[in-house]
Protein backbone atom coordinates (compact mmCIF):
# COMPACT_ATOMS: atom_id res chain seq x y z
CA UNK A 1 46.83 83.77 184.30
CA UNK A 2 46.37 80.23 183.12
CA UNK A 3 48.69 80.71 180.16
CA UNK A 4 51.33 82.38 182.36
CA UNK A 5 51.20 79.50 184.77
CA UNK A 6 51.57 77.05 181.93
CA UNK A 7 54.67 78.86 180.58
CA UNK A 8 56.28 79.01 183.99
CA UNK A 9 55.53 75.39 184.58
CA UNK A 10 56.91 74.42 181.16
CA UNK A 11 60.14 76.40 181.86
CA UNK A 12 60.65 74.53 185.08
CA UNK A 13 59.54 71.13 183.85
CA UNK A 14 62.07 68.37 184.25
CA UNK A 15 63.37 66.60 181.16
CA UNK A 16 65.38 63.40 180.92
CA UNK A 17 68.10 62.71 178.38
CA UNK A 18 69.05 59.06 178.18
CA UNK A 19 71.41 56.90 176.13
CA UNK A 20 70.33 53.28 175.37
CA UNK A 21 72.18 50.28 174.01
CA UNK A 22 70.79 49.75 170.54
CA UNK A 23 70.87 45.97 170.85
CA UNK A 24 69.78 45.34 174.41
CA UNK A 25 67.86 48.60 174.93
CA UNK A 26 69.68 48.88 178.24
CA UNK A 27 69.91 52.43 179.59
CA UNK A 28 73.63 53.37 179.58
CA UNK A 29 73.54 57.02 180.66
CA UNK A 30 70.97 59.59 181.58
CA UNK A 31 70.70 63.14 182.83
CA UNK A 32 67.77 65.09 184.16
CA UNK A 33 67.61 68.79 183.37
CA UNK A 34 65.19 71.66 183.25
CA UNK A 35 65.31 74.26 180.51
CA UNK A 36 66.88 76.73 182.92
CA UNK A 37 69.64 74.34 184.06
CA UNK A 38 70.26 73.26 180.46
CA UNK A 39 70.76 76.91 179.47
CA UNK A 40 73.23 77.43 182.33
CA UNK A 41 75.14 74.27 181.47
CA UNK A 42 75.38 75.24 177.81
CA UNK A 43 76.58 78.73 178.72
CA UNK A 44 79.24 77.29 181.05
CA UNK A 45 80.47 74.90 178.35
CA UNK A 46 80.61 77.73 175.78
CA UNK A 47 82.58 80.04 178.12
CA UNK A 48 84.98 77.20 178.95
CA UNK A 49 85.61 76.50 175.27
CA UNK A 50 86.19 80.19 174.49
CA UNK A 51 88.52 80.66 177.49
CA UNK A 52 90.53 77.56 176.65
CA UNK A 53 90.90 78.65 173.05
CA UNK A 54 92.08 82.14 173.99
CA UNK A 55 94.55 80.72 176.54
CA UNK A 56 96.00 78.29 174.03
CA UNK A 57 96.47 81.04 171.46
CA UNK A 58 97.93 83.55 173.95
CA UNK A 59 100.30 81.30 175.93
CA UNK A 60 101.35 78.59 173.48
CA UNK A 61 102.96 78.43 170.07
CA UNK A 62 99.59 77.82 168.44
CA UNK A 63 99.34 81.57 167.80
CA UNK A 64 102.08 81.17 165.20
CA UNK A 65 99.59 79.25 163.04
CA UNK A 66 97.37 82.32 162.83
CA UNK A 67 97.75 83.89 159.35
CA UNK A 68 99.83 87.08 159.51
CA UNK A 69 101.34 86.44 162.97
CA UNK A 70 105.18 86.20 162.80
CA UNK A 71 106.84 83.15 164.30
CA UNK A 72 109.68 83.24 166.83
CA UNK A 73 112.42 83.09 164.21
CA UNK A 74 110.97 85.99 162.24
CA UNK A 75 110.45 88.13 165.35
CA UNK A 76 114.01 87.47 166.53
CA UNK A 77 115.32 88.31 163.07
CA UNK A 78 113.41 91.63 163.11
CA UNK A 79 114.77 92.48 166.56
CA UNK A 80 118.38 91.66 165.65
CA UNK A 81 118.13 93.62 162.39
CA UNK A 82 116.96 96.66 164.35
CA UNK A 83 120.00 96.36 166.65
CA UNK A 84 122.37 95.94 163.70
CA UNK A 85 120.84 98.94 161.94
CA UNK A 86 121.28 101.11 165.03
CA UNK A 87 124.90 100.00 165.39
CA UNK A 88 125.53 100.69 161.72
CA UNK A 89 124.13 104.20 162.06
CA UNK A 90 126.41 104.86 165.03
CA UNK A 91 129.45 103.57 163.16
CA UNK A 92 128.62 105.78 160.17
CA UNK A 93 128.30 108.81 162.44
CA UNK A 94 131.66 108.05 164.04
CA UNK A 95 133.28 107.54 160.65
CA UNK A 96 131.93 110.87 159.37
CA UNK A 97 133.10 112.58 162.57
CA UNK A 98 136.55 111.01 162.21
CA UNK A 99 136.99 112.21 158.63
CA UNK A 100 135.65 115.64 159.57
CA UNK A 101 138.14 115.97 162.41
CA UNK A 102 141.02 114.76 160.24
CA UNK A 103 140.11 117.42 157.69
CA UNK A 104 139.92 120.05 160.43
CA UNK A 105 143.34 119.10 161.84
CA UNK A 106 144.97 119.16 158.39
CA UNK A 107 143.37 122.53 157.67
CA UNK A 108 144.58 123.98 160.96
CA UNK A 109 141.10 124.34 162.45
CA UNK A 110 139.88 123.12 165.81
CA UNK A 111 137.73 119.98 165.62
CA UNK A 112 134.32 120.90 166.97
CA UNK A 113 132.35 117.70 166.46
CA UNK A 114 131.84 115.80 169.74
CA UNK A 115 130.07 112.48 169.29
CA UNK A 116 132.01 110.40 171.84
CA UNK A 117 130.69 109.33 175.21
CA UNK A 118 130.94 111.70 178.11
CA UNK A 119 133.14 111.00 181.07
CA UNK A 120 130.34 111.84 183.52
CA UNK A 121 126.58 112.06 183.47
CA UNK A 122 126.61 115.67 184.58
CA UNK A 123 125.35 118.66 182.61
CA UNK A 124 127.34 121.81 183.20
CA UNK A 125 125.21 124.25 181.21
CA UNK A 126 122.53 124.61 183.90
CA UNK A 127 124.89 125.38 186.78
CA UNK A 128 124.33 128.83 188.28
CA UNK A 129 126.82 130.67 190.46
CA UNK A 130 125.84 132.83 193.37
CA UNK A 131 127.92 134.36 196.13
CA UNK A 132 127.04 136.07 199.39
CA UNK A 133 128.62 139.21 200.81
CA UNK A 134 130.64 137.15 203.32
CA UNK A 135 131.84 134.86 200.53
CA UNK A 136 133.04 137.85 198.50
CA UNK A 137 134.98 139.18 201.48
CA UNK A 138 136.59 135.79 202.08
CA UNK A 139 137.62 135.50 198.43
CA UNK A 140 139.21 138.96 198.47
CA UNK A 141 141.11 138.11 201.65
CA UNK A 142 142.34 134.78 200.26
CA UNK A 143 143.43 136.36 196.98
CA UNK A 144 145.36 139.06 198.80
CA UNK A 145 147.08 136.48 201.01
CA UNK A 146 147.97 134.22 198.10
CA UNK A 147 149.30 137.10 196.04
CA UNK A 148 152.33 137.41 198.30
CA UNK A 149 152.74 133.73 199.25
CA UNK A 150 152.68 131.83 195.99
CA UNK A 151 155.49 129.30 196.47
CA UNK A 152 158.03 128.15 198.97
CA UNK A 153 160.60 130.40 197.39
CA UNK A 154 164.11 128.98 197.59
CA UNK A 155 163.07 125.46 198.39
CA UNK A 156 165.79 122.83 198.43
CA UNK A 157 165.70 119.07 198.70
CA UNK A 158 167.39 119.33 202.09
CA UNK A 159 164.34 121.09 203.53
CA UNK A 160 161.81 119.07 201.57
CA UNK A 161 158.94 117.84 203.77
CA UNK A 162 156.55 116.48 201.15
CA UNK A 163 153.53 117.83 199.28
CA UNK A 164 151.83 118.92 202.49
CA UNK A 165 154.48 121.62 202.97
CA UNK A 166 153.79 123.22 199.56
CA UNK A 167 151.36 126.06 198.99
CA UNK A 168 149.51 125.15 195.77
CA UNK A 169 147.78 127.99 193.96
CA UNK A 170 144.23 126.99 192.89
CA UNK A 171 144.17 126.77 189.07
CA UNK A 172 140.53 127.96 189.06
CA UNK A 173 137.87 128.77 191.62
CA UNK A 174 134.64 126.88 191.08
CA UNK A 175 132.58 123.81 191.87
CA UNK A 176 134.07 120.32 191.98
CA UNK A 177 131.88 118.05 189.85
CA UNK A 178 134.02 114.91 189.66
CA UNK A 179 136.52 113.82 192.29
CA UNK A 180 139.78 111.91 192.03
CA UNK A 181 139.11 108.17 191.80
CA UNK A 182 142.02 105.79 191.26
CA UNK A 183 139.73 102.76 190.81
CA UNK A 184 137.99 104.24 187.75
CA UNK A 185 141.28 105.71 186.46
CA UNK A 186 140.00 109.25 186.94
CA UNK A 187 143.37 110.69 187.96
CA UNK A 188 142.26 114.25 188.48
CA UNK A 189 139.55 116.63 189.66
CA UNK A 190 136.92 118.26 187.42
CA UNK A 191 136.12 121.88 188.33
CA UNK A 192 133.38 123.99 186.77
CA UNK A 193 134.11 127.72 186.79
CA UNK A 194 132.69 130.83 185.17
CA UNK A 195 132.77 130.97 181.36
CA UNK A 196 136.13 132.10 179.92
CA UNK A 197 137.75 131.90 183.37
CA UNK A 198 141.55 132.00 183.42
CA UNK A 199 143.43 128.82 184.31
CA UNK A 200 146.46 129.58 186.50
CA UNK A 201 149.64 127.62 187.13
CA UNK A 202 149.54 125.97 190.52
CA UNK A 203 153.32 126.33 191.14
CA UNK A 204 156.41 127.82 189.55
CA UNK A 205 157.71 125.66 186.75
CA UNK A 206 158.44 125.05 183.07
CA UNK A 207 155.87 124.15 180.44
CA UNK A 208 156.86 120.73 179.11
CA UNK A 209 153.89 120.04 176.83
CA UNK A 210 151.26 122.02 174.95
CA UNK A 211 149.02 120.49 172.34
CA UNK A 212 145.67 119.10 171.34
CA UNK A 213 144.51 115.50 171.74
CA UNK A 214 141.32 113.93 170.47
CA UNK A 215 140.33 112.73 173.95
CA UNK A 216 141.09 115.76 176.14
CA UNK A 217 141.35 118.69 173.72
CA UNK A 218 143.88 121.45 174.46
CA UNK A 219 146.28 120.26 177.16
CA UNK A 220 149.14 121.96 178.96
CA UNK A 221 151.61 120.27 181.33
CA UNK A 222 153.95 122.06 183.70
CA UNK A 223 157.04 120.55 185.37
CA UNK A 224 157.65 121.83 188.91
CA UNK A 225 160.52 121.28 191.38
CA UNK A 226 160.65 118.13 193.52
CA UNK A 227 159.34 115.83 190.73
CA UNK A 228 155.88 117.45 190.61
CA UNK A 229 153.93 117.73 187.36
CA UNK A 230 150.58 119.49 186.97
CA UNK A 231 148.27 118.82 184.00
CA UNK A 232 145.40 121.02 182.76
CA UNK A 233 142.95 119.53 180.23
CA UNK A 234 139.89 120.55 178.14
CA UNK A 235 141.07 124.17 177.73
CA UNK A 236 139.60 126.48 175.12
CA UNK A 237 142.83 128.42 174.49
CA UNK A 238 146.44 127.88 175.60
CA UNK A 239 148.33 131.02 176.61
CA UNK A 240 151.78 129.43 176.95
CA UNK A 241 154.07 127.37 174.75
CA UNK A 242 156.43 124.50 175.46
CA UNK A 243 159.58 125.76 177.19
CA UNK A 244 158.00 128.85 178.78
CA UNK A 245 158.72 129.62 182.42
CA UNK A 246 155.61 130.23 184.51
CA UNK A 247 155.00 131.57 187.97
CA UNK A 248 152.42 130.30 190.45
CA UNK A 249 149.15 132.09 189.81
CA UNK A 250 150.10 133.11 186.27
CA UNK A 251 147.43 132.56 183.62
CA UNK A 252 148.37 129.73 181.28
CA UNK A 253 145.03 128.89 179.57
CA UNK A 254 141.32 129.70 179.32
CA UNK A 255 138.77 127.19 180.58
CA UNK A 256 136.77 125.32 177.93
CA UNK A 257 135.38 121.95 176.88
CA UNK A 258 137.65 120.97 174.00
CA UNK A 259 138.17 117.34 173.07
CA UNK A 260 135.80 114.74 171.70
CA UNK A 261 135.86 112.43 174.73
CA UNK A 262 135.59 112.79 178.50
CA UNK A 263 133.85 116.16 178.51
CA UNK A 264 130.25 117.28 178.81
CA UNK A 265 130.64 121.03 179.22
CA UNK A 266 133.10 123.83 180.02
CA UNK A 267 135.28 122.72 182.92
CA UNK A 268 138.89 122.08 183.89
CA UNK A 269 140.29 118.60 184.43
CA UNK A 270 143.25 119.16 186.78
CA UNK A 271 145.83 116.54 187.74
CA UNK A 272 148.86 116.49 190.05
CA UNK A 273 151.55 113.84 189.60
CA UNK A 274 154.26 113.32 192.21
CA UNK A 275 157.20 111.08 191.36
CA UNK A 276 155.21 109.36 188.63
CA UNK A 277 152.12 108.73 190.77
CA UNK A 278 148.81 110.59 190.54
CA UNK A 279 147.63 112.24 193.77
CA UNK A 280 144.29 113.70 194.79
CA UNK A 281 144.42 117.48 194.21
CA UNK A 282 141.70 118.12 196.81
CA UNK A 283 144.07 116.95 199.55
CA UNK A 284 146.27 119.98 198.94
CA UNK A 285 144.08 122.62 197.23
CA UNK A 286 140.77 124.24 198.18
CA UNK A 287 138.93 124.97 194.95
């Protein structure tokens, strides 16, 4: 017990640290500490030094002096080289696609490589179609009605009352995935239909253009009376040629997703132009 008391007393004994002037022996500074308080003070000083060092290395440019750590210029150079490399890879892919498509066109084959950006962010492959019994009856009724009322017949300019007086035949029946938007220069309506669905002429007219373009694939344009032109894009197959006469409801193409740009799946891009101005097809047709 005596030794334990001595140790406890020694641990709590007070010690004085003093600084004296060497010439005058005048006491300049002093501090009184126990062993316990001296240990706490030393620990606090050590933690402060470690924390300050870590902060300086983490939040200042001093970390660049650490061997093996890249400086700002090197890190920026690495980042920019990664961007340039990615851009170079994209350009090489586009160049290869361009030469491949040129070869396909010269050889008379359809270009099948599609590396360009899509016109929408929609995916058409996962769309499922389902119809109820009432929907089937309505479709049969509408088809029977439209079969005998395809156009205005002998329409003349004297009795012309505008587009609202025309009965447009729906080119396809399906789901509208992208609407007419003049601000984004989307001058038509995108409709997704069943695979290999027939694309029908919306009115009587004459085919004025059939061909393939890199952006919109197989395209067919039909001139109708009263300065109306209908355009059908992204077809898989064209069933008519330039100069052919077509009737409203007559099949002129098969739906597809041809073209390297502005398509992300099988669908029809349908446009109506009246007197040189694009109009919204959904104002006159129920798809």
